[in-house]
């Protein structure tokens, strides 16, 4: 679903699940999960760069 959203700039998170035959509610769940994952990647990268844990 995230790939469908990323590859089609006209889709929003409520439309992307429909493209891949998933429930509309999954769009918000995937969006939140990706935001959390992105935040974790940023935190780990900053820790590596700045020497924090």
PDB file of N, CA and C in Angstrom:
ATOM      1  N   UNK A   1       0.813  -1.173   0.000  1.00  0.00           N
ATOM      2  CA  UNK A   1       0.000   0.000   0.000  1.00  0.00           C
ATOM      3  C   UNK A   1       0.866   1.250   0.000  1.00  0.00           C
ATOM      4  N   UNK A   2       1.919   1.251   0.789  1.00  0.00           N
ATOM      5  CA  UNK A   2       2.803   2.412   0.822  1.00  0.00           C
ATOM      6  C   UNK A   2       3.436   2.635  -0.545  1.00  0.00           C
ATOM      7  N   UNK A   3       3.777   1.553  -1.213  1.00  0.00           N
ATOM      8  CA  UNK A   3       4.359   1.681  -2.548  1.00  0.00           C
ATOM      9  C   UNK A   3       3.333   2.252  -3.528  1.00  0.00           C
ATOM     10  N   UNK A   4       2.095   1.796  -3.455  1.00  0.00           N
ATOM     11  CA  UNK A   4       1.044   2.325  -4.325  1.00  0.00           C
ATOM     12  C   UNK A   4       0.884   3.821  -4.095  1.00  0.00           C
ATOM     13  N   UNK A   5       0.912   4.231  -2.838  1.00  0.00           N
ATOM     14  CA  UNK A   5       0.795   5.646  -2.502  1.00  0.00           C
ATOM     15  C   UNK A   5       2.000   6.430  -3.031  1.00  0.00           C
ATOM     16  N   UNK A   6       3.196   5.875  -2.838  1.00  0.00           N
ATOM     17  CA  UNK A   6       4.420   6.570  -3.249  1.00  0.00           C
ATOM     18  C   UNK A   6       4.528   6.701  -4.763  1.00  0.00           C
ATOM     19  N   UNK A   7       4.014   5.718  -5.476  1.00  0.00           N
ATOM     20  CA  UNK A   7       4.143   5.724  -6.931  1.00  0.00           C
ATOM     21  C   UNK A   7       3.052   6.533  -7.633  1.00  0.00           C
ATOM     22  N   UNK A   8       2.040   6.969  -6.896  1.00  0.00           N
ATOM     23  CA  UNK A   8       0.951   7.728  -7.505  1.00  0.00           C
ATOM     24  C   UNK A   8       0.677   8.966  -6.654  1.00  0.00           C
ATOM     25  N   UNK A   9       1.185  10.094  -7.103  1.00  0.00           N
ATOM     26  CA  UNK A   9       1.088  11.323  -6.308  1.00  0.00           C
ATOM     27  C   UNK A   9      -0.345  11.814  -6.131  1.00  0.00           C
ATOM     28  N   UNK A  10      -1.273  11.301  -6.915  1.00  0.00           N
ATOM     29  CA  UNK A  10      -2.661  11.738  -6.793  1.00  0.00           C
ATOM     30  C   UNK A  10      -3.412  11.012  -5.684  1.00  0.00           C
ATOM     31  N   UNK A  11      -2.867   9.909  -5.190  1.00  0.00           N
ATOM     32  CA  UNK A  11      -3.538   9.138  -4.141  1.00  0.00           C
ATOM     33  C   UNK A  11      -3.299   9.760  -2.774  1.00  0.00           C
ATOM     34  N   UNK A  12      -4.278   9.634  -1.903  1.00  0.00           N
ATOM     35  CA  UNK A  12      -4.069   9.974  -0.505  1.00  0.00           C
ATOM     36  C   UNK A  12      -4.114   8.671   0.297  1.00  0.00           C
ATOM     37  N   UNK A  13      -3.938   8.766   1.594  1.00  0.00           N
ATOM     38  CA  UNK A  13      -3.858   7.559   2.416  1.00  0.00           C
ATOM     39  C   UNK A  13      -5.194   6.833   2.549  1.00  0.00           C
ATOM     40  N   UNK A  14      -6.283   7.480   2.227  1.00  0.00           N
ATOM     41  CA  UNK A  14      -7.575   6.798   2.237  1.00  0.00           C
ATOM     42  C   UNK A  14      -7.825   6.080   0.913  1.00  0.00           C
ATOM     43  N   UNK A  15      -7.202   6.520  -0.151  1.00  0.00           N
ATOM     44  CA  UNK A  15      -7.398   5.911  -1.467  1.00  0.00           C
ATOM     45  C   UNK A  15      -6.420   4.769  -1.738  1.00  0.00           C
ATOM     46  N   UNK A  16      -5.222   4.867  -1.222  1.00  0.00           N
ATOM     47  CA  UNK A  16      -4.188   3.864  -1.502  1.00  0.00           C
ATOM     48  C   UNK A  16      -4.606   2.436  -1.144  1.00  0.00           C
ATOM     49  N   UNK A  17      -5.272   2.205  -0.011  1.00  0.00           N
ATOM     50  CA  UNK A  17      -5.668   0.828   0.302  1.00  0.00           C
ATOM     51  C   UNK A  17      -6.622   0.241  -0.736  1.00  0.00           C
ATOM     52  N   UNK A  18      -7.456   1.059  -1.327  1.00  0.00           N
ATOM     53  CA  UNK A  18      -8.406   0.569  -2.322  1.00  0.00           C
ATOM     54  C   UNK A  18      -7.700   0.068  -3.571  1.00  0.00           C
ATOM     55  N   UNK A  19      -6.553   0.657  -3.892  1.00  0.00           N
ATOM     56  CA  UNK A  19      -5.783   0.249  -5.067  1.00  0.00           C
ATOM     57  C   UNK A  19      -5.248  -1.167  -4.900  1.00  0.00           C
ATOM     58  N   UNK A  20      -4.939  -1.550  -3.659  1.00  0.00           N
ATOM     59  CA  UNK A  20      -4.363  -2.870  -3.402  1.00  0.00           C
ATOM     60  C   UNK A  20      -5.342  -3.783  -2.671  1.00  0.00           C
ATOM     61  N   UNK A  21      -6.634  -3.494  -2.789  1.00  0.00           N
ATOM     62  CA  UNK A  21      -7.704  -4.326  -2.208  1.00  0.00           C
ATOM     63  C   UNK A  21      -7.564  -4.539  -0.703  1.00  0.00           C
ATOM     64  N   UNK A  22      -7.357  -3.451   0.025  1.00  0.00           N
ATOM     65  CA  UNK A  22      -7.299  -3.500   1.485  1.00  0.00           C
ATOM     66  C   UNK A  22      -8.361  -2.568   2.041  1.00  0.00           C
ATOM     67  N   UNK A  23      -8.651  -2.711   3.332  1.00  0.00           N
ATOM     68  CA  UNK A  23      -9.620  -1.835   3.987  1.00  0.00           C
ATOM     69  C   UNK A  23      -9.079  -0.414   4.061  1.00  0.00           C
ATOM     70  N   UNK A  24      -9.974   0.557   3.960  1.00  0.00           N
ATOM     71  CA  UNK A  24      -9.591   1.966   4.005  1.00  0.00           C
ATOM     72  C   UNK A  24      -8.876   2.290   5.323  1.00  0.00           C
ATOM     73  N   UNK A  25      -9.282   1.669   6.424  1.00  0.00           N
ATOM     74  CA  UNK A  25      -8.658   1.940   7.726  1.00  0.00           C
ATOM     75  C   UNK A  25      -7.158   1.634   7.719  1.00  0.00           C
ATOM     76  N   UNK A  26      -6.755   0.709   6.858  1.00  0.00           N
ATOM     77  CA  UNK A  26      -5.337   0.341   6.804  1.00  0.00           C
ATOM     78  C   UNK A  26      -4.473   1.505   6.324  1.00  0.00           C
ATOM     79  N   UNK A  27      -5.029   2.421   5.547  1.00  0.00           N
ATOM     80  CA  UNK A  27      -4.259   3.564   5.077  1.00  0.00           C
ATOM     81  C   UNK A  27      -3.712   4.394   6.221  1.00  0.00           C
ATOM     82  N   UNK A  28      -4.544   4.677   7.206  1.00  0.00           N
ATOM     83  CA  UNK A  28      -4.101   5.455   8.368  1.00  0.00           C
ATOM     84  C   UNK A  28      -3.107   4.660   9.211  1.00  0.00           C
ATOM     85  N   UNK A  29      -3.346   3.378   9.347  1.00  0.00           N
ATOM     86  CA  UNK A  29      -2.431   2.540  10.131  1.00  0.00           C
ATOM     87  C   UNK A  29      -1.046   2.489   9.502  1.00  0.00           C
ATOM     88  N   UNK A  30      -1.002   2.306   8.176  1.00  0.00           N
ATOM     89  CA  UNK A  30       0.281   2.252   7.476  1.00  0.00           C
ATOM     90  C   UNK A  30       0.979   3.603   7.550  1.00  0.00           C
ATOM     91  N   UNK A  31       0.222   4.672   7.396  1.00  0.00           N
ATOM     92  CA  UNK A  31       0.797   6.020   7.475  1.00  0.00           C
ATOM     93  C   UNK A  31       1.451   6.249   8.836  1.00  0.00           C
ATOM     94  N   UNK A  32       0.738   5.903   9.912  1.00  0.00           N
ATOM     95  CA  UNK A  32       1.301   6.075  11.260  1.00  0.00           C
ATOM     96  C   UNK A  32       2.536   5.211  11.457  1.00  0.00           C
ATOM     97  N   UNK A  33       2.488   3.984  10.966  1.00  0.00           N
ATOM     98  CA  UNK A  33       3.633   3.084  11.108  1.00  0.00           C
ATOM     99  C   UNK A  33       4.852   3.641  10.377  1.00  0.00           C
ATOM    100  N   UNK A  34       4.653   4.163   9.169  1.00  0.00           N
ATOM    101  CA  UNK A  34       5.765   4.738   8.421  1.00  0.00           C
ATOM    102  C   UNK A  34       6.317   5.985   9.099  1.00  0.00           C
ATOM    103  N   UNK A  35       5.449   6.790   9.689  1.00  0.00           N
ATOM    104  CA  UNK A  35       5.923   7.970  10.426  1.00  0.00           C
ATOM    105  C   UNK A  35       6.773   7.552  11.625  1.00  0.00           C
ATOM    106  N   UNK A  36       6.327   6.506  12.349  1.00  0.00           N
ATOM    107  CA  UNK A  36       7.120   6.003  13.477  1.00  0.00           C
ATOM    108  C   UNK A  36       8.458   5.459  13.007  1.00  0.00           C
ATOM    109  N   UNK A  37       8.432   4.674  11.943  1.00  0.00           N
ATOM    110  CA  UNK A  37       9.670   4.087  11.419  1.00  0.00           C
ATOM    111  C   UNK A  37      10.624   5.182  10.949  1.00  0.00           C
ATOM    112  N   UNK A  38      10.087   6.184  10.268  1.00  0.00           N
ATOM    113  CA  UNK A  38      10.922   7.296   9.818  1.00  0.00           C
ATOM    114  C   UNK A  38      11.548   8.044  10.977  1.00  0.00           C
ATOM    115  N   UNK A  39      10.766   8.270  12.026  1.00  0.00           N
ATOM    116  CA  UNK A  39      11.295   8.932  13.218  1.00  0.00           C
ATOM    117  C   UNK A  39      12.399   8.127  13.875  1.00  0.00           C
ATOM    118  N   UNK A  40      12.232   6.820  13.894  1.00  0.00           N
ATOM    119  CA  UNK A  40      13.254   5.946  14.477  1.00  0.00           C
ATOM    120  C   UNK A  40      14.532   5.968  13.642  1.00  0.00           C
ATOM    121  N   UNK A  41      14.398   5.981  12.336  1.00  0.00           N
ATOM    122  CA  UNK A  41      15.578   6.055  11.471  1.00  0.00           C
ATOM    123  C   UNK A  41      16.324   7.363  11.700  1.00  0.00           C
ATOM    124  N   UNK A  42      15.590   8.461  11.799  1.00  0.00           N
ATOM    125  CA  UNK A  42      16.214   9.761  12.053  1.00  0.00           C
ATOM    126  C   UNK A  42      16.917   9.748  13.407  1.00  0.00           C
ATOM    127  N   UNK A  43      16.257   9.202  14.440  1.00  0.00           N
ATOM    128  CA  UNK A  43      16.854   9.158  15.779  1.00  0.00           C
ATOM    129  C   UNK A  43      18.151   8.345  15.773  1.00  0.00           C
ATOM    130  N   UNK A  44      18.135   7.187  15.130  1.00  0.00           N
ATOM    131  CA  UNK A  44      19.335   6.343  15.089  1.00  0.00           C
ATOM    132  C   UNK A  44      20.457   7.008  14.305  1.00  0.00           C
ATOM    133  N   UNK A  45      20.102   7.661  13.213  1.00  0.00           N
ATOM    134  CA  UNK A  45      21.114   8.333  12.404  1.00  0.00           C
ATOM    135  C   UNK A  45      21.744   9.470  13.179  1.00  0.00           C
ATOM    136  N   UNK A  46      20.937  10.269  13.843  1.00  0.00           N
ATOM    137  CA  UNK A  46      21.462  11.371  14.647  1.00  0.00           C
ATOM    138  C   UNK A  46      22.332  10.844  15.777  1.00  0.00           C
ATOM    139  N   UNK A  47      21.935   9.742  16.382  1.00  0.00           N
ATOM    140  CA  UNK A  47      22.736   9.159  17.458  1.00  0.00           C
ATOM    141  C   UNK A  47      24.100   8.725  16.935  1.00  0.00           C
ATOM    142  N   UNK A  48      24.118   8.145  15.747  1.00  0.00           N
ATOM    143  CA  UNK A  48      25.366   7.712  15.164  1.00  0.00           C
ATOM    144  C   UNK A  48      26.254   8.903  14.818  1.00  0.00           C
ATOM    145  N   UNK A  49      25.647   9.951  14.266  1.00  0.00           N
ATOM    146  CA  UNK A  49      26.420  11.127  13.848  1.00  0.00           C
ATOM    147  C   UNK A  49      26.935  11.907  15.051  1.00  0.00           C
ATOM    148  N   UNK A  50      26.067  12.107  16.040  1.00  0.00           N
ATOM    149  CA  UNK A  50      26.421  12.953  17.168  1.00  0.00           C
ATOM    150  C   UNK A  50      26.909  12.167  18.375  1.00  0.00           C
ATOM    151  N   UNK A  51      26.965  10.841  18.272  1.00  0.00           N
ATOM    152  CA  UNK A  51      27.510  10.019  19.349  1.00  0.00           C
ATOM    153  C   UNK A  51      26.605   9.871  20.544  1.00  0.00           C
ATOM    154  N   UNK A  52      25.297  10.039  20.344  1.00  0.00           N
ATOM    155  CA  UNK A  52      24.345   9.860  21.440  1.00  0.00           C
ATOM    156  C   UNK A  52      23.809   8.450  21.391  1.00  0.00           C
ATOM    157  N   UNK A  53      23.152   8.033  22.481  1.00  0.00           N
ATOM    158  CA  UNK A  53      22.564   6.691  22.476  1.00  0.00           C
ATOM    159  C   UNK A  53      21.074   6.725  22.603  1.00  0.00           C
TER     160      UNK A  53
END
